[in-house]
């Protein structure tokens, strides 16, 4: 997947995060008493969150690479796109699973523990835990990372996605008035539209229509490489 989509997804995701995570940004403790320490704490939080995103990207990129080596890359892209679209229909029902509810409650309790601390490391860990909270836009980015078919590519994709979300998140934590509460609530509706768009892009990619970046030909790439590798050996044959 092109990194431009990661940045765009992150920028749109930042608007969504303003609605979902805005209250958490405003409740963050202050590490130190000076303005420099205040800013450093906010940057530490965002850095922890982006690092966790990159680790998730590496994980899903490795998974995609494994499946790509099995020759099913385009089918993986089609399946991921279909799952994202299906997720739009069933996501409200996911909270009916007790194990998922317990996991979310436990994660939030752990975050509350770090909210009471006032140090840069604790704020960085708090940001990393925030990166693990259930979020449809993060799921979409992880699906795109799997479609990249590589560990480094997947990590880079989620890293760029995280950078795209940072301006809005950092702005809210610094100003507290960047986006009014009423507007933040309305911005939550951006997530379903973005999920649908990313699902469509993944399906388009899996169709392998030969469109650069959007739908590259994934069916003949391997054959072409094999043919190119075979030419030197044929020329060296007596």
C-alpha atoms as a PDB file:
ATOM      1  CA  UNK A   1       0.000   0.000   0.000  1.00  0.00           C
ATOM      2  CA  UNK A   2       1.272   3.491  -0.859  1.00  0.00           C
ATOM      3  CA  UNK A   3       2.431   5.575   2.108  1.00  0.00           C
ATOM      4  CA  UNK A   4       0.224   8.428   0.931  1.00  0.00           C
ATOM      5  CA  UNK A   5      -2.804   6.422   2.000  1.00  0.00           C
ATOM      6  CA  UNK A   6      -1.197   5.899   5.417  1.00  0.00           C
ATOM      7  CA  UNK A   7      -0.731   9.630   5.897  1.00  0.00           C
ATOM      8  CA  UNK A   8      -4.248  10.387   4.676  1.00  0.00           C
ATOM      9  CA  UNK A   9      -5.698   7.716   6.933  1.00  0.00           C
ATOM     10  CA  UNK A  10      -3.736   9.180   9.836  1.00  0.00           C
ATOM     11  CA  UNK A  11      -4.886  12.732   9.179  1.00  0.00           C
ATOM     12  CA  UNK A  12      -8.513  11.629   8.978  1.00  0.00           C
ATOM     13  CA  UNK A  13      -7.903   9.372  11.962  1.00  0.00           C
ATOM     14  CA  UNK A  14      -6.676  12.395  13.904  1.00  0.00           C
ATOM     15  CA  UNK A  15     -10.093  13.990  13.476  1.00  0.00           C
ATOM     16  CA  UNK A  16     -11.721  10.790  14.670  1.00  0.00           C
ATOM     17  CA  UNK A  17      -9.313  10.570  17.612  1.00  0.00           C
ATOM     18  CA  UNK A  18     -10.341  14.084  18.596  1.00  0.00           C
ATOM     19  CA  UNK A  19     -13.766  12.693  19.353  1.00  0.00           C
ATOM     20  CA  UNK A  20     -12.733   9.383  20.889  1.00  0.00           C
ATOM     21  CA  UNK A  21      -9.555  10.283  22.789  1.00  0.00           C
ATOM     22  CA  UNK A  22     -10.028  14.003  23.379  1.00  0.00           C
ATOM     23  CA  UNK A  23     -11.094  13.580  27.027  1.00  0.00           C
ATOM     24  CA  UNK A  24      -8.046  11.391  27.695  1.00  0.00           C
ATOM     25  CA  UNK A  25      -5.758  14.018  26.179  1.00  0.00           C
ATOM     26  CA  UNK A  26      -7.209  16.654  28.489  1.00  0.00           C
ATOM     27  CA  UNK A  27      -6.888  14.400  31.562  1.00  0.00           C
ATOM     28  CA  UNK A  28      -3.176  13.673  31.091  1.00  0.00           C
ATOM     29  CA  UNK A  29      -1.016  14.563  34.115  1.00  0.00           C
ATOM     30  CA  UNK A  30       1.783  17.111  33.920  1.00  0.00           C
ATOM     31  CA  UNK A  31       5.359  15.829  34.257  1.00  0.00           C
ATOM     32  CA  UNK A  32       7.237  18.657  35.922  1.00  0.00           C
ATOM     33  CA  UNK A  33       6.468  22.302  36.533  1.00  0.00           C
ATOM     34  CA  UNK A  34       7.980  24.123  33.572  1.00  0.00           C
ATOM     35  CA  UNK A  35       6.550  24.625  30.086  1.00  0.00           C
ATOM     36  CA  UNK A  36       9.397  22.586  28.618  1.00  0.00           C
ATOM     37  CA  UNK A  37       8.564  19.650  30.890  1.00  0.00           C
ATOM     38  CA  UNK A  38       4.883  20.000  30.044  1.00  0.00           C
ATOM     39  CA  UNK A  39       5.672  19.829  26.311  1.00  0.00           C
ATOM     40  CA  UNK A  40       8.110  16.941  26.814  1.00  0.00           C
ATOM     41  CA  UNK A  41       5.400  14.935  28.587  1.00  0.00           C
ATOM     42  CA  UNK A  42       2.954  15.430  25.729  1.00  0.00           C
ATOM     43  CA  UNK A  43       5.593  14.443  23.171  1.00  0.00           C
ATOM     44  CA  UNK A  44       6.508  11.368  25.235  1.00  0.00           C
ATOM     45  CA  UNK A  45       2.872  10.288  25.222  1.00  0.00           C
ATOM     46  CA  UNK A  46       2.533  10.658  21.451  1.00  0.00           C
ATOM     47  CA  UNK A  47       5.884   8.924  20.885  1.00  0.00           C
ATOM     48  CA  UNK A  48       4.780   5.905  22.902  1.00  0.00           C
ATOM     49  CA  UNK A  49       1.580   5.685  20.904  1.00  0.00           C
ATOM     50  CA  UNK A  50       3.334   5.920  17.524  1.00  0.00           C
ATOM     51  CA  UNK A  51       5.947   3.333  18.544  1.00  0.00           C
ATOM     52  CA  UNK A  52       3.208   0.836  19.452  1.00  0.00           C
ATOM     53  CA  UNK A  53       1.551   1.513  16.098  1.00  0.00           C
ATOM     54  CA  UNK A  54       4.850   0.763  14.342  1.00  0.00           C
ATOM     55  CA  UNK A  55       5.231  -2.492  16.283  1.00  0.00           C
ATOM     56  CA  UNK A  56       1.703  -3.501  15.274  1.00  0.00           C
ATOM     57  CA  UNK A  57       2.593  -2.657  11.675  1.00  0.00           C
ATOM     58  CA  UNK A  58       5.686  -4.858  11.851  1.00  0.00           C
ATOM     59  CA  UNK A  59       3.598  -7.715  13.225  1.00  0.00           C
ATOM     60  CA  UNK A  60       0.944  -7.490  10.550  1.00  0.00           C
ATOM     61  CA  UNK A  61       3.522  -6.824   7.832  1.00  0.00           C
ATOM     62  CA  UNK A  62       5.336 -10.027   8.822  1.00  0.00           C
ATOM     63  CA  UNK A  63       2.061 -11.922   8.660  1.00  0.00           C
ATOM     64  CA  UNK A  64       1.393 -10.493   5.217  1.00  0.00           C
ATOM     65  CA  UNK A  65       4.903 -11.402   4.076  1.00  0.00           C
ATOM     66  CA  UNK A  66       4.381 -14.993   5.181  1.00  0.00           C
ATOM     67  CA  UNK A  67       1.155 -15.198   3.228  1.00  0.00           C
ATOM     68  CA  UNK A  68       2.741 -13.475   0.231  1.00  0.00           C
ATOM     69  CA  UNK A  69       5.467 -16.143   0.109  1.00  0.00           C
ATOM     70  CA  UNK A  70       2.667 -18.688  -0.007  1.00  0.00           C
ATOM     71  CA  UNK A  71       1.438 -17.010  -3.208  1.00  0.00           C
ATOM     72  CA  UNK A  72      -1.859 -15.725  -1.819  1.00  0.00           C
ATOM     73  CA  UNK A  73      -1.117 -11.982  -1.550  1.00  0.00           C
ATOM     74  CA  UNK A  74      -4.033 -10.824  -3.694  1.00  0.00           C
ATOM     75  CA  UNK A  75      -6.446 -13.100  -1.846  1.00  0.00           C
ATOM     76  CA  UNK A  76      -5.190 -11.708   1.459  1.00  0.00           C
ATOM     77  CA  UNK A  77      -5.923  -8.186   0.231  1.00  0.00           C
ATOM     78  CA  UNK A  78      -9.414  -9.206  -0.907  1.00  0.00           C
ATOM     79  CA  UNK A  79     -10.116 -10.959   2.382  1.00  0.00           C
ATOM     80  CA  UNK A  80      -8.896  -8.034   4.491  1.00  0.00           C
ATOM     81  CA  UNK A  81     -11.001  -5.583   2.515  1.00  0.00           C
ATOM     82  CA  UNK A  82     -14.062  -7.778   2.903  1.00  0.00           C
ATOM     83  CA  UNK A  83     -13.418  -8.140   6.647  1.00  0.00           C
ATOM     84  CA  UNK A  84     -13.219  -4.366   7.076  1.00  0.00           C
ATOM     85  CA  UNK A  85     -16.523  -3.902   5.281  1.00  0.00           C
ATOM     86  CA  UNK A  86     -18.046  -6.719   7.317  1.00  0.00           C
ATOM     87  CA  UNK A  87     -16.703  -5.103  10.464  1.00  0.00           C
ATOM     88  CA  UNK A  88     -18.811  -2.032   9.751  1.00  0.00           C
ATOM     89  CA  UNK A  89     -21.893  -4.208  10.119  1.00  0.00           C
ATOM     90  CA  UNK A  90     -20.931  -6.289  13.149  1.00  0.00           C
ATOM     91  CA  UNK A  91     -18.719  -3.899  15.171  1.00  0.00           C
ATOM     92  CA  UNK A  92     -21.557  -2.763  17.490  1.00  0.00           C
ATOM     93  CA  UNK A  93     -22.093  -6.409  18.442  1.00  0.00           C
ATOM     94  CA  UNK A  94     -18.459  -7.043  19.381  1.00  0.00           C
ATOM     95  CA  UNK A  95     -18.970  -5.498  22.811  1.00  0.00           C
ATOM     96  CA  UNK A  96     -21.416  -8.295  23.583  1.00  0.00           C
ATOM     97  CA  UNK A  97     -18.478 -10.708  24.027  1.00  0.00           C
ATOM     98  CA  UNK A  98     -17.599 -10.881  27.761  1.00  0.00           C
ATOM     99  CA  UNK A  99     -13.911 -11.658  27.146  1.00  0.00           C
ATOM    100  CA  UNK A 100     -13.531  -8.537  24.998  1.00  0.00           C
ATOM    101  CA  UNK A 101     -15.260  -6.366  27.569  1.00  0.00           C
ATOM    102  CA  UNK A 102     -12.983  -7.719  30.323  1.00  0.00           C
ATOM    103  CA  UNK A 103      -9.890  -7.072  28.213  1.00  0.00           C
ATOM    104  CA  UNK A 104     -10.934  -3.472  27.544  1.00  0.00           C
ATOM    105  CA  UNK A 105     -11.788  -2.877  31.209  1.00  0.00           C
ATOM    106  CA  UNK A 106      -8.414  -4.294  32.282  1.00  0.00           C
ATOM    107  CA  UNK A 107      -6.553  -2.124  29.772  1.00  0.00           C
ATOM    108  CA  UNK A 108      -8.373   0.997  30.920  1.00  0.00           C
ATOM    109  CA  UNK A 109      -7.641   0.160  34.564  1.00  0.00           C
ATOM    110  CA  UNK A 110      -3.950  -0.124  33.698  1.00  0.00           C
ATOM    111  CA  UNK A 111      -4.099   3.224  31.919  1.00  0.00           C
ATOM    112  CA  UNK A 112      -5.780   4.798  34.962  1.00  0.00           C
ATOM    113  CA  UNK A 113      -2.841   3.608  37.047  1.00  0.00           C
ATOM    114  CA  UNK A 114      -0.365   5.401  34.799  1.00  0.00           C
ATOM    115  CA  UNK A 115      -2.561   8.508  34.711  1.00  0.00           C
ATOM    116  CA  UNK A 116      -1.807   8.974  38.403  1.00  0.00           C
ATOM    117  CA  UNK A 117       1.918   9.082  37.779  1.00  0.00           C
ATOM    118  CA  UNK A 118       3.866  12.174  36.731  1.00  0.00           C
ATOM    119  CA  UNK A 119       6.967  11.097  34.854  1.00  0.00           C
ATOM    120  CA  UNK A 120       8.031  10.982  31.210  1.00  0.00           C
ATOM    121  CA  UNK A 121       8.362   7.157  31.120  1.00  0.00           C
ATOM    122  CA  UNK A 122       4.874   6.706  32.576  1.00  0.00           C
ATOM    123  CA  UNK A 123       3.411   9.078  29.984  1.00  0.00           C
ATOM    124  CA  UNK A 124       5.212   7.175  27.203  1.00  0.00           C
ATOM    125  CA  UNK A 125       3.782   3.877  28.503  1.00  0.00           C
ATOM    126  CA  UNK A 126       0.350   5.498  28.766  1.00  0.00           C
ATOM    127  CA  UNK A 127       0.596   6.520  25.117  1.00  0.00           C
ATOM    128  CA  UNK A 128       1.597   2.991  24.159  1.00  0.00           C
ATOM    129  CA  UNK A 129      -1.422   1.566  25.992  1.00  0.00           C
ATOM    130  CA  UNK A 130      -3.630   4.036  24.178  1.00  0.00           C
ATOM    131  CA  UNK A 131      -2.328   2.570  20.933  1.00  0.00           C
ATOM    132  CA  UNK A 132      -3.753  -0.807  21.999  1.00  0.00           C
ATOM    133  CA  UNK A 133      -7.293   0.470  22.620  1.00  0.00           C
ATOM    134  CA  UNK A 134      -9.911  -0.883  20.177  1.00  0.00           C
ATOM    135  CA  UNK A 135     -10.121   1.464  17.196  1.00  0.00           C
ATOM    136  CA  UNK A 136     -11.551   0.775  13.761  1.00  0.00           C
ATOM    137  CA  UNK A 137      -9.094   3.117  12.054  1.00  0.00           C
ATOM    138  CA  UNK A 138      -6.138   1.300  13.599  1.00  0.00           C
ATOM    139  CA  UNK A 139      -7.626  -1.984  12.398  1.00  0.00           C
ATOM    140  CA  UNK A 140      -7.822  -0.532   8.883  1.00  0.00           C
ATOM    141  CA  UNK A 141      -4.191   0.582   9.064  1.00  0.00           C
ATOM    142  CA  UNK A 142      -3.133  -2.882  10.303  1.00  0.00           C
ATOM    143  CA  UNK A 143      -4.983  -4.497   7.412  1.00  0.00           C
ATOM    144  CA  UNK A 144      -3.171  -2.203   5.001  1.00  0.00           C
ATOM    145  CA  UNK A 145       0.134  -3.055   6.694  1.00  0.00           C
ATOM    146  CA  UNK A 146      -0.551  -6.753   6.117  1.00  0.00           C
ATOM    147  CA  UNK A 147      -1.166  -5.977   2.454  1.00  0.00           C
ATOM    148  CA  UNK A 148       2.304  -4.419   2.156  1.00  0.00           C
ATOM    149  CA  UNK A 149       3.780  -7.896   2.477  1.00  0.00           C
ATOM    150  CA  UNK A 150       6.854  -6.961   4.524  1.00  0.00           C
ATOM    151  CA  UNK A 151       7.928  -6.368   8.125  1.00  0.00           C
ATOM    152  CA  UNK A 152       9.695  -3.058   7.482  1.00  0.00           C
ATOM    153  CA  UNK A 153       7.015  -1.901   5.043  1.00  0.00           C
ATOM    154  CA  UNK A 154       4.277  -2.713   7.535  1.00  0.00           C
ATOM    155  CA  UNK A 155       6.067  -0.923  10.369  1.00  0.00           C
ATOM    156  CA  UNK A 156       6.661   2.106   8.131  1.00  0.00           C
ATOM    157  CA  UNK A 157       3.018   2.193   7.107  1.00  0.00           C
ATOM    158  CA  UNK A 158       1.758   2.255  10.702  1.00  0.00           C
ATOM    159  CA  UNK A 159       4.496   4.720  11.687  1.00  0.00           C
ATOM    160  CA  UNK A 160       3.367   7.162   8.994  1.00  0.00           C
ATOM    161  CA  UNK A 161      -0.244   6.565  10.030  1.00  0.00           C
ATOM    162  CA  UNK A 162       0.693   7.414  13.626  1.00  0.00           C
ATOM    163  CA  UNK A 163       2.497  10.564  12.520  1.00  0.00           C
ATOM    164  CA  UNK A 164      -0.634  11.614  10.644  1.00  0.00           C
ATOM    165  CA  UNK A 165      -2.724  11.375  13.802  1.00  0.00           C
ATOM    166  CA  UNK A 166      -0.185  13.258  15.938  1.00  0.00           C
ATOM    167  CA  UNK A 167      -0.898  16.929  15.020  1.00  0.00           C
ATOM    168  CA  UNK A 168      -4.534  16.759  16.144  1.00  0.00           C
ATOM    169  CA  UNK A 169      -3.819  14.652  19.228  1.00  0.00           C
ATOM    170  CA  UNK A 170      -0.878  16.817  20.282  1.00  0.00           C
ATOM    171  CA  UNK A 171      -2.815  19.995  19.586  1.00  0.00           C
ATOM    172  CA  UNK A 172      -5.684  18.928  21.823  1.00  0.00           C
ATOM    173  CA  UNK A 173      -3.362  17.933  24.666  1.00  0.00           C
ATOM    174  CA  UNK A 174      -1.521  21.262  24.433  1.00  0.00           C
ATOM    175  CA  UNK A 175      -4.405  23.660  23.984  1.00  0.00           C
ATOM    176  CA  UNK A 176      -7.475  21.881  25.314  1.00  0.00           C
ATOM    177  CA  UNK A 177      -9.635  24.066  23.092  1.00  0.00           C
ATOM    178  CA  UNK A 178      -8.526  23.050  19.615  1.00  0.00           C
ATOM    179  CA  UNK A 179     -11.739  21.127  18.912  1.00  0.00           C
ATOM    180  CA  UNK A 180     -14.927  21.824  20.930  1.00  0.00           C
ATOM    181  CA  UNK A 181     -16.574  18.858  22.647  1.00  0.00           C
ATOM    182  CA  UNK A 182     -19.674  19.028  20.432  1.00  0.00           C
ATOM    183  CA  UNK A 183     -17.520  18.887  17.303  1.00  0.00           C
ATOM    184  CA  UNK A 184     -15.465  16.000  18.710  1.00  0.00           C
ATOM    185  CA  UNK A 185     -18.638  13.957  19.154  1.00  0.00           C
ATOM    186  CA  UNK A 186     -19.644  14.550  15.542  1.00  0.00           C
ATOM    187  CA  UNK A 187     -16.192  13.579  14.278  1.00  0.00           C
ATOM    188  CA  UNK A 188     -16.765  10.008  15.456  1.00  0.00           C
ATOM    189  CA  UNK A 189     -18.804   9.413  12.316  1.00  0.00           C
ATOM    190  CA  UNK A 190     -15.651   9.734  10.219  1.00  0.00           C
ATOM    191  CA  UNK A 191     -14.448   6.286  11.266  1.00  0.00           C
ATOM    192  CA  UNK A 192     -17.095   4.204   9.433  1.00  0.00           C
ATOM    193  CA  UNK A 193     -16.593   6.186   6.219  1.00  0.00           C
ATOM    194  CA  UNK A 194     -12.830   5.788   6.418  1.00  0.00           C
ATOM    195  CA  UNK A 195     -13.135   2.062   7.131  1.00  0.00           C
ATOM    196  CA  UNK A 196     -15.364   1.662   4.100  1.00  0.00           C
ATOM    197  CA  UNK A 197     -12.884   3.561   1.924  1.00  0.00           C
ATOM    198  CA  UNK A 198      -9.925   1.484   3.117  1.00  0.00           C
ATOM    199  CA  UNK A 199     -11.881  -1.733   2.660  1.00  0.00           C
ATOM    200  CA  UNK A 200     -12.680  -0.705  -0.911  1.00  0.00           C
ATOM    201  CA  UNK A 201      -9.019   0.132  -1.595  1.00  0.00           C
ATOM    202  CA  UNK A 202      -7.882  -3.265  -0.317  1.00  0.00           C
ATOM    203  CA  UNK A 203     -10.429  -5.051  -2.477  1.00  0.00           C
ATOM    204  CA  UNK A 204      -9.377  -2.943  -5.473  1.00  0.00           C
ATOM    205  CA  UNK A 205      -5.759  -3.890  -4.796  1.00  0.00           C
ATOM    206  CA  UNK A 206      -6.637  -7.563  -4.570  1.00  0.00           C
ATOM    207  CA  UNK A 207      -8.394  -7.458  -7.942  1.00  0.00           C
ATOM    208  CA  UNK A 208      -4.963  -6.803  -9.550  1.00  0.00           C
ATOM    209  CA  UNK A 209      -6.305  -4.636 -12.372  1.00  0.00           C
ATOM    210  CA  UNK A 210      -2.872  -3.310 -13.306  1.00  0.00           C
ATOM    211  CA  UNK A 211      -3.500   0.235 -11.990  1.00  0.00           C
ATOM    212  CA  UNK A 212      -0.259   1.627 -10.488  1.00  0.00           C
ATOM    213  CA  UNK A 213      -0.388   1.998  -6.700  1.00  0.00           C
ATOM    214  CA  UNK A 214      -4.157   1.448  -6.496  1.00  0.00           C
ATOM    215  CA  UNK A 215      -4.419  -2.002  -8.056  1.00  0.00           C
ATOM    216  CA  UNK A 216      -1.006  -3.326  -9.210  1.00  0.00           C
ATOM    217  CA  UNK A 217      -0.783  -6.585 -11.112  1.00  0.00           C
ATOM    218  CA  UNK A 218      -0.054  -9.177  -8.428  1.00  0.00           C
ATOM    219  CA  UNK A 219      -0.633 -12.178 -10.661  1.00  0.00           C
ATOM    220  CA  UNK A 220       2.275 -11.966 -13.113  1.00  0.00           C
ATOM    221  CA  UNK A 221       4.920 -10.259 -10.976  1.00  0.00           C
ATOM    222  CA  UNK A 222       6.351 -13.482  -9.673  1.00  0.00           C
ATOM    223  CA  UNK A 223       6.407 -15.101 -13.098  1.00  0.00           C
ATOM    224  CA  UNK A 224       8.187 -12.101 -14.581  1.00  0.00           C
ATOM    225  CA  UNK A 225      10.851 -12.236 -11.881  1.00  0.00           C
ATOM    226  CA  UNK A 226      11.394 -15.914 -12.416  1.00  0.00           C
ATOM    227  CA  UNK A 227      11.758 -15.383 -16.162  1.00  0.00           C
ATOM    228  CA  UNK A 228      14.291 -12.592 -15.586  1.00  0.00           C
ATOM    229  CA  UNK A 229      16.315 -14.786 -13.246  1.00  0.00           C
ATOM    230  CA  UNK A 230      16.315 -17.633 -15.736  1.00  0.00           C
ATOM    231  CA  UNK A 231      17.790 -15.648 -18.674  1.00  0.00           C
ATOM    232  CA  UNK A 232      21.418 -15.503 -17.431  1.00  0.00           C
ATOM    233  CA  UNK A 233      21.521 -19.237 -16.809  1.00  0.00           C
ATOM    234  CA  UNK A 234      20.232 -19.887 -20.324  1.00  0.00           C
ATOM    235  CA  UNK A 235      22.902 -17.654 -21.815  1.00  0.00           C
ATOM    236  CA  UNK A 236      25.640 -19.420 -19.885  1.00  0.00           C
ATOM    237  CA  UNK A 237      24.517 -22.847 -21.026  1.00  0.00           C
ATOM    238  CA  UNK A 238      26.840 -24.409 -23.681  1.00  0.00           C
END
